[in-house]
Amino acid sequence: MRFYGEEINKHRFDLLLLVLSDEVVFWFSSGSHHGLDAARQAFESTWARLGNEFYWLEELCWVSEGMVSAACIYRFNWRGTIDGVPAQGGGRGTSVFLKETDGWKLVHEHLSADPAHAG
């Protein structure tokens, strides 16, 4: 999670490939994104829209840690600019990892709005 959290702020999707499964599934408020190509489009679209975007995680809690899988819940935060106007947000996240032949890989991430700020 630390590597992912640090590399994501470089806004270069290829750097994330070290920790993403080929079959990764992201569930974001903007939609579901299955596989690396769809994930790349989602990330690059977000980075293009959010100028100077910075993303970070807090309150990480590993709710499952096994020999071949692990799951972590956390709070995520971001800040940046949209059309030159400062903006920020955050919510709750869940990440699931599998141990593949070449190491631990993110297979699923689900980010959602904080219930106190939803709808």
PDB file of N, CA and C in Angstrom:
ATOM      1  N   MET A   1       0.836  -1.198   0.000  1.00  0.00           N
ATOM      2  CA  MET A   1       0.000   0.000   0.000  1.00  0.00           C
ATOM      3  C   MET A   1       0.876   1.255   0.000  1.00  0.00           C
ATOM      4  N   ARG A   2       1.996   1.197   0.717  1.00  0.00           N
ATOM      5  CA  ARG A   2       2.872   2.367   0.773  1.00  0.00           C
ATOM      6  C   ARG A   2       3.407   2.702  -0.622  1.00  0.00           C
ATOM      7  N   PHE A   3       3.900   1.688  -1.340  1.00  0.00           N
ATOM      8  CA  PHE A   3       4.429   1.904  -2.691  1.00  0.00           C
ATOM      9  C   PHE A   3       3.347   2.498  -3.591  1.00  0.00           C
ATOM     10  N   TYR A   4       2.160   1.907  -3.565  1.00  0.00           N
ATOM     11  CA  TYR A   4       1.039   2.365  -4.385  1.00  0.00           C
ATOM     12  C   TYR A   4       0.710   3.825  -4.059  1.00  0.00           C
ATOM     13  N   GLY A   5       0.622   4.135  -2.767  1.00  0.00           N
ATOM     14  CA  GLY A   5       0.295   5.489  -2.346  1.00  0.00           C
ATOM     15  C   GLY A   5       1.324   6.522  -2.765  1.00  0.00           C
ATOM     16  N   GLU A   6       2.592   6.114  -2.812  1.00  0.00           N
ATOM     17  CA  GLU A   6       3.648   7.040  -3.226  1.00  0.00           C
ATOM     18  C   GLU A   6       3.698   7.183  -4.743  1.00  0.00           C
ATOM     19  N   GLU A   7       3.624   6.078  -5.443  1.00  0.00           N
ATOM     20  CA  GLU A   7       3.772   6.105  -6.902  1.00  0.00           C
ATOM     21  C   GLU A   7       2.587   6.760  -7.604  1.00  0.00           C
ATOM     22  N   ILE A   8       1.403   6.644  -7.037  1.00  0.00           N
ATOM     23  CA  ILE A   8       0.209   7.196  -7.688  1.00  0.00           C
ATOM     24  C   ILE A   8       0.337   8.711  -7.861  1.00  0.00           C
ATOM     25  N   ASN A   9       1.080   9.371  -6.971  1.00  0.00           N
ATOM     26  CA  ASN A   9       1.224  10.826  -7.048  1.00  0.00           C
ATOM     27  C   ASN A   9       2.219  11.284  -8.106  1.00  0.00           C
ATOM     28  N   LYS A  10       2.887  10.350  -8.764  1.00  0.00           N
ATOM     29  CA  LYS A  10       3.772  10.707  -9.869  1.00  0.00           C
ATOM     30  C   LYS A  10       2.999  10.818 -11.182  1.00  0.00           C
ATOM     31  N   HIS A  11       1.731  10.383 -11.159  1.00  0.00           N
ATOM     32  CA  HIS A  11       0.825  10.502 -12.306  1.00  0.00           C
ATOM     33  C   HIS A  11       1.385   9.833 -13.557  1.00  0.00           C
ATOM     34  N   ARG A  12       2.015   8.688 -13.371  1.00  0.00           N
ATOM     35  CA  ARG A  12       2.530   7.885 -14.492  1.00  0.00           C
ATOM     36  C   ARG A  12       2.040   6.459 -14.290  1.00  0.00           C
ATOM     37  N   PHE A  13       1.027   6.084 -15.031  1.00  0.00           N
ATOM     38  CA  PHE A  13       0.379   4.796 -14.843  1.00  0.00           C
ATOM     39  C   PHE A  13       1.357   3.629 -14.928  1.00  0.00           C
ATOM     40  N   ASP A  14       2.342   3.711 -15.812  1.00  0.00           N
ATOM     41  CA  ASP A  14       3.294   2.603 -15.973  1.00  0.00           C
ATOM     42  C   ASP A  14       4.021   2.282 -14.673  1.00  0.00           C
ATOM     43  N   LEU A  15       4.207   3.246 -13.800  1.00  0.00           N
ATOM     44  CA  LEU A  15       4.854   2.993 -12.516  1.00  0.00           C
ATOM     45  C   LEU A  15       4.003   2.111 -11.611  1.00  0.00           C
ATOM     46  N   LEU A  16       2.696   2.147 -11.801  1.00  0.00           N
ATOM     47  CA  LEU A  16       1.786   1.349 -10.970  1.00  0.00           C
ATOM     48  C   LEU A  16       1.732  -0.114 -11.396  1.00  0.00           C
ATOM     49  N   LEU A  17       2.203  -0.407 -12.601  1.00  0.00           N
ATOM     50  CA  LEU A  17       2.098  -1.775 -13.128  1.00  0.00           C
ATOM     51  C   LEU A  17       2.803  -2.803 -12.250  1.00  0.00           C
ATOM     52  N   LEU A  18       3.790  -2.384 -11.480  1.00  0.00           N
ATOM     53  CA  LEU A  18       4.494  -3.307 -10.589  1.00  0.00           C
ATOM     54  C   LEU A  18       3.570  -3.914  -9.539  1.00  0.00           C
ATOM     55  N   VAL A  19       2.491  -3.211  -9.194  1.00  0.00           N
ATOM     56  CA  VAL A  19       1.609  -3.697  -8.125  1.00  0.00           C
ATOM     57  C   VAL A  19       0.176  -3.949  -8.589  1.00  0.00           C
ATOM     58  N   LEU A  20      -0.093  -3.853  -9.882  1.00  0.00           N
ATOM     59  CA  LEU A  20      -1.445  -4.094 -10.382  1.00  0.00           C
ATOM     60  C   LEU A  20      -1.531  -5.438 -11.084  1.00  0.00           C
ATOM     61  N   SER A  21      -2.555  -6.216 -10.736  1.00  0.00           N
ATOM     62  CA  SER A  21      -2.819  -7.463 -11.436  1.00  0.00           C
ATOM     63  C   SER A  21      -3.328  -7.142 -12.838  1.00  0.00           C
ATOM     64  N   ASP A  22      -3.050  -8.010 -13.786  1.00  0.00           N
ATOM     65  CA  ASP A  22      -3.586  -7.828 -15.139  1.00  0.00           C
ATOM     66  C   ASP A  22      -5.111  -7.810 -15.118  1.00  0.00           C
ATOM     67  N   GLU A  23      -5.696  -8.461 -14.129  1.00  0.00           N
ATOM     68  CA  GLU A  23      -7.154  -8.581 -14.016  1.00  0.00           C
ATOM     69  C   GLU A  23      -7.750  -7.586 -13.020  1.00  0.00           C
ATOM     70  N   VAL A  24      -7.030  -6.528 -12.685  1.00  0.00           N
ATOM     71  CA  VAL A  24      -7.476  -5.576 -11.671  1.00  0.00           C
ATOM     72  C   VAL A  24      -8.861  -5.016 -12.007  1.00  0.00           C
ATOM     73  N   VAL A  25      -9.650  -4.794 -10.957  1.00  0.00           N
ATOM     74  CA  VAL A  25     -10.978  -4.195 -11.093  1.00  0.00           C
ATOM     75  C   VAL A  25     -11.056  -3.011 -10.126  1.00  0.00           C
ATOM     76  N   PHE A  26     -11.339  -1.827 -10.680  1.00  0.00           N
ATOM     77  CA  PHE A  26     -11.526  -0.632  -9.867  1.00  0.00           C
ATOM     78  C   PHE A  26     -13.002  -0.251  -9.896  1.00  0.00           C
ATOM     79  N   TRP A  27     -13.556  -0.014  -8.719  1.00  0.00           N
ATOM     80  CA  TRP A  27     -14.909   0.528  -8.604  1.00  0.00           C
ATOM     81  C   TRP A  27     -14.772   1.932  -8.043  1.00  0.00           C
ATOM     82  N   PHE A  28     -15.023   2.915  -8.885  1.00  0.00           N
ATOM     83  CA  PHE A  28     -14.961   4.317  -8.502  1.00  0.00           C
ATOM     84  C   PHE A  28     -16.351   4.926  -8.661  1.00  0.00           C
ATOM     85  N   SER A  29     -16.532   6.133  -8.141  1.00  0.00           N
ATOM     86  CA  SER A  29     -17.819   6.812  -8.318  1.00  0.00           C
ATOM     87  C   SER A  29     -18.077   7.092  -9.793  1.00  0.00           C
ATOM     88  N   SER A  30     -17.000   7.145 -10.592  1.00  0.00           N
ATOM     89  CA  SER A  30     -17.141   7.405 -12.029  1.00  0.00           C
ATOM     90  C   SER A  30     -17.492   6.149 -12.822  1.00  0.00           C
ATOM     91  N   GLY A  31     -17.464   4.989 -12.169  1.00  0.00           N
ATOM     92  CA  GLY A  31     -17.800   3.749 -12.860  1.00  0.00           C
ATOM     93  C   GLY A  31     -16.868   2.620 -12.489  1.00  0.00           C
ATOM     94  N   SER A  32     -17.086   1.474 -13.138  1.00  0.00           N
ATOM     95  CA  SER A  32     -16.273   0.288 -12.922  1.00  0.00           C
ATOM     96  C   SER A  32     -15.279   0.153 -14.068  1.00  0.00           C
ATOM     97  N   HIS A  33     -14.075  -0.250 -13.724  1.00  0.00           N
ATOM     98  CA  HIS A  33     -12.997  -0.330 -14.702  1.00  0.00           C
ATOM     99  C   HIS A  33     -12.304  -1.674 -14.538  1.00  0.00           C
ATOM    100  N   HIS A  34     -12.439  -2.543 -15.546  1.00  0.00           N
ATOM    101  CA  HIS A  34     -11.932  -3.908 -15.486  1.00  0.00           C
ATOM    102  C   HIS A  34     -10.707  -4.055 -16.374  1.00  0.00           C
ATOM    103  N   GLY A  35      -9.587  -4.493 -15.802  1.00  0.00           N
ATOM    104  CA  GLY A  35      -8.370  -4.725 -16.561  1.00  0.00           C
ATOM    105  C   GLY A  35      -7.488  -3.495 -16.637  1.00  0.00           C
ATOM    106  N   LEU A  36      -6.253  -3.719 -17.064  1.00  0.00           N
ATOM    107  CA  LEU A  36      -5.259  -2.645 -17.079  1.00  0.00           C
ATOM    108  C   LEU A  36      -5.581  -1.525 -18.056  1.00  0.00           C
ATOM    109  N   ASP A  37      -6.119  -1.851 -19.232  1.00  0.00           N
ATOM    110  CA  ASP A  37      -6.431  -0.803 -20.208  1.00  0.00           C
ATOM    111  C   ASP A  37      -7.507   0.141 -19.682  1.00  0.00           C
ATOM    112  N   ALA A  38      -8.565  -0.416 -19.109  1.00  0.00           N
ATOM    113  CA  ALA A  38      -9.642   0.413 -18.559  1.00  0.00           C
ATOM    114  C   ALA A  38      -9.141   1.214 -17.357  1.00  0.00           C
ATOM    115  N   ALA A  39      -8.299   0.583 -16.532  1.00  0.00           N
ATOM    116  CA  ALA A  39      -7.739   1.288 -15.376  1.00  0.00           C
ATOM    117  C   ALA A  39      -6.871   2.449 -15.832  1.00  0.00           C
ATOM    118  N   ARG A  40      -6.039   2.219 -16.844  1.00  0.00           N
ATOM    119  CA  ARG A  40      -5.189   3.286 -17.365  1.00  0.00           C
ATOM    120  C   ARG A  40      -6.043   4.474 -17.819  1.00  0.00           C
ATOM    121  N   GLN A  41      -7.115   4.197 -18.568  1.00  0.00           N
ATOM    122  CA  GLN A  41      -7.980   5.277 -19.043  1.00  0.00           C
ATOM    123  C   GLN A  41      -8.579   6.057 -17.878  1.00  0.00           C
ATOM    124  N   ALA A  42      -9.036   5.345 -16.841  1.00  0.00           N
ATOM    125  CA  ALA A  42      -9.654   6.004 -15.691  1.00  0.00           C
ATOM    126  C   ALA A  42      -8.647   6.888 -14.951  1.00  0.00           C
ATOM    127  N   PHE A  43      -7.467   6.358 -14.698  1.00  0.00           N
ATOM    128  CA  PHE A  43      -6.444   7.133 -13.989  1.00  0.00           C
ATOM    129  C   PHE A  43      -6.004   8.339 -14.800  1.00  0.00           C
ATOM    130  N   GLU A  44      -5.690   8.126 -16.078  1.00  0.00           N
ATOM    131  CA  GLU A  44      -5.182   9.225 -16.895  1.00  0.00           C
ATOM    132  C   GLU A  44      -6.236  10.301 -17.113  1.00  0.00           C
ATOM    133  N   SER A  45      -7.497   9.910 -17.204  1.00  0.00           N
ATOM    134  CA  SER A  45      -8.585  10.883 -17.327  1.00  0.00           C
ATOM    135  C   SER A  45      -8.689  11.734 -16.063  1.00  0.00           C
ATOM    136  N   THR A  46      -8.587  11.085 -14.912  1.00  0.00           N
ATOM    137  CA  THR A  46      -8.648  11.814 -13.642  1.00  0.00           C
ATOM    138  C   THR A  46      -7.473  12.772 -13.517  1.00  0.00           C
ATOM    139  N   TRP A  47      -6.268  12.292 -13.822  1.00  0.00           N
ATOM    140  CA  TRP A  47      -5.082  13.152 -13.723  1.00  0.00           C
ATOM    141  C   TRP A  47      -5.168  14.340 -14.677  1.00  0.00           C
ATOM    142  N   ALA A  48      -5.763  14.155 -15.845  1.00  0.00           N
ATOM    143  CA  ALA A  48      -5.908  15.259 -16.800  1.00  0.00           C
ATOM    144  C   ALA A  48      -6.903  16.302 -16.298  1.00  0.00           C
ATOM    145  N   ARG A  49      -7.933  15.838 -15.595  1.00  0.00           N
ATOM    146  CA  ARG A  49      -8.981  16.733 -15.098  1.00  0.00           C
ATOM    147  C   ARG A  49      -8.555  17.479 -13.834  1.00  0.00           C
ATOM    148  N   LEU A  50      -7.786  16.824 -12.978  1.00  0.00           N
ATOM    149  CA  LEU A  50      -7.384  17.408 -11.698  1.00  0.00           C
ATOM    150  C   LEU A  50      -5.948  17.916 -11.775  1.00  0.00           C
ATOM    151  N   GLY A  51      -5.799  19.224 -11.884  1.00  0.00           N
ATOM    152  CA  GLY A  51      -4.471  19.802 -11.909  1.00  0.00           C
ATOM    153  C   GLY A  51      -3.816  19.726 -10.541  1.00  0.00           C
ATOM    154  N   ASN A  52      -2.513  19.493 -10.516  1.00  0.00           N
ATOM    155  CA  ASN A  52      -1.745  19.451  -9.267  1.00  0.00           C
ATOM    156  C   ASN A  52      -2.345  18.498  -8.238  1.00  0.00           C
ATOM    157  N   GLU A  53      -2.950  17.419  -8.702  1.00  0.00           N
ATOM    158  CA  GLU A  53      -3.622  16.489  -7.795  1.00  0.00           C
ATOM    159  C   GLU A  53      -2.632  15.770  -6.900  1.00  0.00           C
ATOM    160  N   PHE A  54      -2.963  15.673  -5.606  1.00  0.00           N
ATOM    161  CA  PHE A  54      -2.188  14.916  -4.623  1.00  0.00           C
ATOM    162  C   PHE A  54      -3.161  14.011  -3.883  1.00  0.00           C
ATOM    163  N   TYR A  55      -2.796  12.738  -3.753  1.00  0.00           N
ATOM    164  CA  TYR A  55      -3.662  11.700  -3.179  1.00  0.00           C
ATOM    165  C   TYR A  55      -2.934  11.065  -2.005  1.00  0.00           C
ATOM    166  N   TRP A  56      -3.656  10.807  -0.908  1.00  0.00           N
ATOM    167  CA  TRP A  56      -3.026  10.128   0.209  1.00  0.00           C
ATOM    168  C   TRP A  56      -4.046   9.292   0.980  1.00  0.00           C
ATOM    169  N   LEU A  57      -3.504   8.336   1.741  1.00  0.00           N
ATOM    170  CA  LEU A  57      -4.314   7.389   2.509  1.00  0.00           C
ATOM    171  C   LEU A  57      -4.075   7.604   3.995  1.00  0.00           C
ATOM    172  N   GLU A  58      -5.124   7.350   4.783  1.00  0.00           N
ATOM    173  CA  GLU A  58      -5.042   7.454   6.238  1.00  0.00           C
ATOM    174  C   GLU A  58      -5.820   6.308   6.856  1.00  0.00           C
ATOM    175  N   GLU A  59      -5.536   6.036   8.115  1.00  0.00           N
ATOM    176  CA  GLU A  59      -6.290   5.058   8.910  1.00  0.00           C
ATOM    177  C   GLU A  59      -6.336   3.681   8.243  1.00  0.00           C
ATOM    178  N   LEU A  60      -5.199   3.220   7.713  1.00  0.00           N
ATOM    179  CA  LEU A  60      -5.143   1.901   7.095  1.00  0.00           C
ATOM    180  C   LEU A  60      -5.382   0.825   8.143  1.00  0.00           C
ATOM    181  N   CYS A  61      -6.222  -0.142   7.805  1.00  0.00           N
ATOM    182  CA  CYS A  61      -6.522  -1.267   8.686  1.00  0.00           C
ATOM    183  C   CYS A  61      -6.560  -2.536   7.838  1.00  0.00           C
ATOM    184  N   TRP A  62      -5.607  -3.425   8.074  1.00  0.00           N
ATOM    185  CA  TRP A  62      -5.575  -4.700   7.349  1.00  0.00           C
ATOM    186  C   TRP A  62      -6.598  -5.622   7.986  1.00  0.00           C
ATOM    187  N   VAL A  63      -7.713  -5.841   7.323  1.00  0.00           N
ATOM    188  CA  VAL A  63      -8.799  -6.650   7.882  1.00  0.00           C
ATOM    189  C   VAL A  63      -8.610  -8.133   7.579  1.00  0.00           C
ATOM    190  N   SER A  64      -7.698  -8.453   6.669  1.00  0.00           N
ATOM    191  CA  SER A  64      -7.385  -9.842   6.354  1.00  0.00           C
ATOM    192  C   SER A  64      -5.960  -9.910   5.835  1.00  0.00           C
ATOM    193  N   GLU A  65      -5.182 -10.818   6.406  1.00  0.00           N
ATOM    194  CA  GLU A  65      -3.807 -11.027   5.958  1.00  0.00           C
ATOM    195  C   GLU A  65      -3.546 -12.521   5.915  1.00  0.00           C
ATOM    196  N   GLY A  66      -3.402 -13.063   4.715  1.00  0.00           N
ATOM    197  CA  GLY A  66      -3.173 -14.493   4.563  1.00  0.00           C
ATOM    198  C   GLY A  66      -1.944 -14.770   3.728  1.00  0.00           C
ATOM    199  N   MET A  67      -1.732 -16.034   3.442  1.00  0.00           N
ATOM    200  CA  MET A  67      -0.573 -16.454   2.650  1.00  0.00           C
ATOM    201  C   MET A  67      -0.700 -16.036   1.187  1.00  0.00           C
ATOM    202  N   VAL A  68      -1.936 -15.964   0.673  1.00  0.00           N
ATOM    203  CA  VAL A  68      -2.119 -15.651  -0.748  1.00  0.00           C
ATOM    204  C   VAL A  68      -3.030 -14.456  -1.001  1.00  0.00           C
ATOM    205  N   SER A  69      -3.656 -13.915   0.043  1.00  0.00           N
ATOM    206  CA  SER A  69      -4.509 -12.750  -0.155  1.00  0.00           C
ATOM    207  C   SER A  69      -4.499 -11.871   1.087  1.00  0.00           C
ATOM    208  N   ALA A  70      -4.818 -10.600   0.879  1.00  0.00           N
ATOM    209  CA  ALA A  70      -4.889  -9.632   1.967  1.00  0.00           C
ATOM    210  C   ALA A  70      -5.859  -8.529   1.563  1.00  0.00           C
ATOM    211  N   ALA A  71      -6.500  -7.927   2.551  1.00  0.00           N
ATOM    212  CA  ALA A  71      -7.448  -6.850   2.292  1.00  0.00           C
ATOM    213  C   ALA A  71      -7.222  -5.725   3.290  1.00  0.00           C
ATOM    214  N   CYS A  72      -7.299  -4.496   2.792  1.00  0.00           N
ATOM    215  CA  CYS A  72      -7.054  -3.317   3.605  1.00  0.00           C
ATOM    216  C   CYS A  72      -8.194  -2.316   3.399  1.00  0.00           C
ATOM    217  N   ILE A  73      -8.654  -1.724   4.488  1.00  0.00           N
ATOM    218  CA  ILE A  73      -9.628  -0.638   4.405  1.00  0.00           C
ATOM    219  C   ILE A  73      -8.942   0.636   4.895  1.00  0.00           C
ATOM    220  N   TYR A  74      -9.414   1.791   4.423  1.00  0.00           N
ATOM    221  CA  TYR A  74      -8.735   3.049   4.718  1.00  0.00           C
ATOM    222  C   TYR A  74      -9.618   4.223   4.344  1.00  0.00           C
ATOM    223  N   ARG A  75      -9.137   5.392   4.718  1.00  0.00           N
ATOM    224  CA  ARG A  75      -9.722   6.650   4.256  1.00  0.00           C
ATOM    225  C   ARG A  75      -8.773   7.192   3.184  1.00  0.00           C
ATOM    226  N   PHE A  76      -9.339   7.683   2.084  1.00  0.00           N
ATOM    227  CA  PHE A  76      -8.507   8.310   1.050  1.00  0.00           C
ATOM    228  C   PHE A  76      -8.858   9.790   0.972  1.00  0.00           C
ATOM    229  N   ASN A  77      -7.884  10.568   0.546  1.00  0.00           N
ATOM    230  CA  ASN A  77      -8.039  12.022   0.424  1.00  0.00           C
ATOM    231  C   ASN A  77      -7.361  12.475  -0.853  1.00  0.00           C
ATOM    232  N   TRP A  78      -7.841  13.555  -1.412  1.00  0.00           N
ATOM    233  CA  TRP A  78      -7.191  14.157  -2.573  1.00  0.00           C
ATOM    234  C   TRP A  78      -7.405  15.666  -2.528  1.00  0.00           C
ATOM    235  N   ARG A  79      -6.474  16.348  -3.154  1.00  0.00           N
ATOM    236  CA  ARG A  79      -6.628  17.796  -3.345  1.00  0.00           C
ATOM    237  C   ARG A  79      -5.960  18.143  -4.671  1.00  0.00           C
ATOM    238  N   GLY A  80      -6.447  19.192  -5.264  1.00  0.00           N
ATOM    239  CA  GLY A  80      -5.918  19.640  -6.543  1.00  0.00           C
ATOM    240  C   GLY A  80      -6.708  20.835  -7.030  1.00  0.00           C
ATOM    241  N   THR A  81      -6.727  21.018  -8.337  1.00  0.00           N
ATOM    242  CA  THR A  81      -7.514  22.101  -8.914  1.00  0.00           C
ATOM    243  C   THR A  81      -8.362  21.550 -10.057  1.00  0.00           C
ATOM    244  N   ILE A  82      -9.551  22.085 -10.188  1.00  0.00           N
ATOM    245  CA  ILE A  82     -10.440  21.759 -11.302  1.00  0.00           C
ATOM    246  C   ILE A  82     -10.749  23.072 -11.998  1.00  0.00           C
ATOM    247  N   ASP A  83     -10.350  23.171 -13.259  1.00  0.00           N
ATOM    248  CA  ASP A  83     -10.496  24.422 -14.010  1.00  0.00           C
ATOM    249  C   ASP A  83      -9.864  25.586 -13.259  1.00  0.00           C
ATOM    250  N   GLY A  84      -8.721  25.331 -12.628  1.00  0.00           N
ATOM    251  CA  GLY A  84      -7.986  26.371 -11.919  1.00  0.00           C
ATOM    252  C   GLY A  84      -8.509  26.704 -10.532  1.00  0.00           C
ATOM    253  N   VAL A  85      -9.590  26.070 -10.111  1.00  0.00           N
ATOM    254  CA  VAL A  85     -10.191  26.346  -8.806  1.00  0.00           C
ATOM    255  C   VAL A  85      -9.777  25.247  -7.820  1.00  0.00           C
ATOM    256  N   PRO A  86      -9.271  25.622  -6.637  1.00  0.00           N
ATOM    257  CA  PRO A  86      -8.887  24.606  -5.654  1.00  0.00           C
ATOM    258  C   PRO A  86     -10.069  23.693  -5.308  1.00  0.00           C
ATOM    259  N   ALA A  87      -9.776  22.393  -5.186  1.00  0.00           N
ATOM    260  CA  ALA A  87     -10.803  21.405  -4.853  1.00  0.00           C
ATOM    261  C   ALA A  87     -10.166  20.316  -4.002  1.00  0.00           C
ATOM    262  N   GLN A  88     -11.000  19.652  -3.222  1.00  0.00           N
ATOM    263  CA  GLN A  88     -10.512  18.538  -2.413  1.00  0.00           C
ATOM    264  C   GLN A  88     -11.667  17.603  -2.110  1.00  0.00           C
ATOM    265  N   GLY A  89     -11.323  16.384  -1.712  1.00  0.00           N
ATOM    266  CA  GLY A  89     -12.345  15.413  -1.382  1.00  0.00           C
ATOM    267  C   GLY A  89     -11.727  14.181  -0.761  1.00  0.00           C
ATOM    268  N   GLY A  90     -12.559  13.199  -0.574  1.00  0.00           N
ATOM    269  CA  GLY A  90     -12.087  11.963   0.023  1.00  0.00           C
ATOM    270  C   GLY A  90     -13.243  11.029   0.289  1.00  0.00           C
ATOM    271  N   GLY A  91     -12.928   9.945   0.932  1.00  0.00           N
ATOM    272  CA  GLY A  91     -13.950   8.956   1.253  1.00  0.00           C
ATOM    273  C   GLY A  91     -13.317   7.709   1.838  1.00  0.00           C
ATOM    274  N   ARG A  92     -13.982   6.580   1.592  1.00  0.00           N
ATOM    275  CA  ARG A  92     -13.520   5.312   2.134  1.00  0.00           C
ATOM    276  C   ARG A  92     -13.058   4.408   1.009  1.00  0.00           C
ATOM    277  N   GLY A  93     -12.083   3.560   1.311  1.00  0.00           N
ATOM    278  CA  GLY A  93     -11.566   2.657   0.299  1.00  0.00           C
ATOM    279  C   GLY A  93     -11.321   1.268   0.837  1.00  0.00           C
ATOM    280  N   THR A  94     -11.350   0.316  -0.078  1.00  0.00           N
ATOM    281  CA  THR A  94     -10.999  -1.069   0.205  1.00  0.00           C
ATOM    282  C   THR A  94     -10.093  -1.542  -0.917  1.00  0.00           C
ATOM    283  N   SER A  95      -8.984  -2.163  -0.558  1.00  0.00           N
ATOM    284  CA  SER A  95      -8.077  -2.745  -1.548  1.00  0.00           C
ATOM    285  C   SER A  95      -7.855  -4.213  -1.211  1.00  0.00           C
ATOM    286  N   VAL A  96      -7.881  -5.038  -2.243  1.00  0.00           N
ATOM    287  CA  VAL A  96      -7.676  -6.476  -2.084  1.00  0.00           C
ATOM    288  C   VAL A  96      -6.454  -6.867  -2.906  1.00  0.00           C
ATOM    289  N   PHE A  97      -5.563  -7.628  -2.292  1.00  0.00           N
ATOM    290  CA  PHE A  97      -4.328  -8.065  -2.927  1.00  0.00           C
ATOM    291  C   PHE A  97      -4.275  -9.581  -3.018  1.00  0.00           C
ATOM    292  N   LEU A  98      -3.670 -10.087  -4.084  1.00  0.00           N
ATOM    293  CA  LEU A  98      -3.398 -11.515  -4.248  1.00  0.00           C
ATOM    294  C   LEU A  98      -1.910 -11.693  -4.467  1.00  0.00           C
ATOM    295  N   LYS A  99      -1.379 -12.783  -3.934  1.00  0.00           N
ATOM    296  CA  LYS A  99       0.020 -13.103  -4.192  1.00  0.00           C
ATOM    297  C   LYS A  99       0.080 -13.879  -5.500  1.00  0.00           C
ATOM    298  N   GLU A 100       0.613 -13.226  -6.536  1.00  0.00           N
ATOM    299  CA  GLU A 100       0.759 -13.847  -7.846  1.00  0.00           C
ATOM    300  C   GLU A 100       2.193 -14.342  -7.984  1.00  0.00           C
ATOM    301  N   THR A 101       2.518 -14.970  -9.085  1.00  0.00           N
ATOM    302  CA  THR A 101       3.857 -15.556  -9.251  1.00  0.00           C
ATOM    303  C   THR A 101       4.971 -14.522  -9.147  1.00  0.00           C
ATOM    304  N   ASP A 102       4.689 -13.266  -9.493  1.00  0.00           N
ATOM    305  CA  ASP A 102       5.721 -12.233  -9.437  1.00  0.00           C
ATOM    306  C   ASP A 102       5.527 -11.251  -8.276  1.00  0.00           C
ATOM    307  N   GLY A 103       4.780 -11.655  -7.253  1.00  0.00           N
ATOM    308  CA  GLY A 103       4.633 -10.834  -6.054  1.00  0.00           C
ATOM    309  C   GLY A 103       3.195 -10.433  -5.773  1.00  0.00           C
ATOM    310  N   TRP A 104       3.028  -9.619  -4.744  1.00  0.00           N
ATOM    311  CA  TRP A 104       1.706  -9.153  -4.333  1.00  0.00           C
ATOM    312  C   TRP A 104       1.171  -8.145  -5.340  1.00  0.00           C
ATOM    313  N   LYS A 105      -0.079  -8.355  -5.763  1.00  0.00           N
ATOM    314  CA  LYS A 105      -0.706  -7.492  -6.768  1.00  0.00           C
ATOM    315  C   LYS A 105      -2.090  -7.046  -6.292  1.00  0.00           C
ATOM    316  N   LEU A 106      -2.415  -5.804  -6.595  1.00  0.00           N
ATOM    317  CA  LEU A 106      -3.747  -5.267  -6.331  1.00  0.00           C
ATOM    318  C   LEU A 106      -4.709  -5.857  -7.350  1.00  0.00           C
ATOM    319  N   VAL A 107      -5.760  -6.541  -6.879  1.00  0.00           N
ATOM    320  CA  VAL A 107      -6.741  -7.130  -7.792  1.00  0.00           C
ATOM    321  C   VAL A 107      -8.075  -6.389  -7.753  1.00  0.00           C
ATOM    322  N   HIS A 108      -8.299  -5.630  -6.667  1.00  0.00           N
ATOM    323  CA  HIS A 108      -9.560  -4.886  -6.584  1.00  0.00           C
ATOM    324  C   HIS A 108      -9.393  -3.681  -5.666  1.00  0.00           C
ATOM    325  N   GLU A 109      -9.950  -2.553  -6.124  1.00  0.00           N
ATOM    326  CA  GLU A 109     -10.017  -1.361  -5.281  1.00  0.00           C
ATOM    327  C   GLU A 109     -11.409  -0.776  -5.429  1.00  0.00           C
ATOM    328  N   HIS A 110     -12.002  -0.449  -4.296  1.00  0.00           N
ATOM    329  CA  HIS A 110     -13.333   0.153  -4.280  1.00  0.00           C
ATOM    330  C   HIS A 110     -13.247   1.438  -3.469  1.00  0.00           C
ATOM    331  N   LEU A 111     -13.462   2.570  -4.124  1.00  0.00           N
ATOM    332  CA  LEU A 111     -13.486   3.864  -3.461  1.00  0.00           C
ATOM    333  C   LEU A 111     -14.907   4.399  -3.481  1.00  0.00           C
ATOM    334  N   SER A 112     -15.351   4.917  -2.347  1.00  0.00           N
ATOM    335  CA  SER A 112     -16.701   5.479  -2.282  1.00  0.00           C
ATOM    336  C   SER A 112     -16.692   6.724  -1.400  1.00  0.00           C
ATOM    337  N   ALA A 113     -17.701   7.533  -1.586  1.00  0.00           N
ATOM    338  CA  ALA A 113     -17.835   8.764  -0.808  1.00  0.00           C
ATOM    339  C   ALA A 113     -18.051   8.418   0.666  1.00  0.00           C
ATOM    340  N   ASP A 114     -17.597   9.302   1.508  1.00  0.00           N
ATOM    341  CA  ASP A 114     -17.875   9.186   2.933  1.00  0.00           C
ATOM    342  C   ASP A 114     -19.375   9.315   3.133  1.00  0.00           C
ATOM    343  N   PRO A 115     -20.001   8.395   3.856  1.00  0.00           N
ATOM    344  CA  PRO A 115     -21.468   8.480   4.023  1.00  0.00           C
ATOM    345  C   PRO A 115     -21.947   9.823   4.560  1.00  0.00           C
ATOM    346  N   ALA A 116     -21.135  10.482   5.369  1.00  0.00           N
ATOM    347  CA  ALA A 116     -21.530  11.773   5.919  1.00  0.00           C
ATOM    348  C   ALA A 116     -21.600  12.857   4.842  1.00  0.00           C
ATOM    349  N   HIS A 117     -20.931  12.608   3.689  1.00  0.00           N
ATOM    350  CA  HIS A 117     -20.888  13.600   2.626  1.00  0.00           C
ATOM    351  C   HIS A 117     -21.580  13.132   1.343  1.00  0.00           C
ATOM    352  N   ALA A 118     -22.166  11.951   1.375  1.00  0.00           N
ATOM    353  CA  ALA A 118     -22.817  11.402   0.170  1.00  0.00           C
ATOM    354  C   ALA A 118     -24.195  12.010  -0.019  1.00  0.00           C
ATOM    355  N   GLY A 119     -24.548  12.076  -1.291  1.00  0.00           N
ATOM    356  CA  GLY A 119     -25.879  12.416  -1.739  1.00  0.00           C
ATOM    357  C   GLY A 119     -26.507  13.557  -1.105  1.00  0.00           C
TER     358      GLY A 119
END
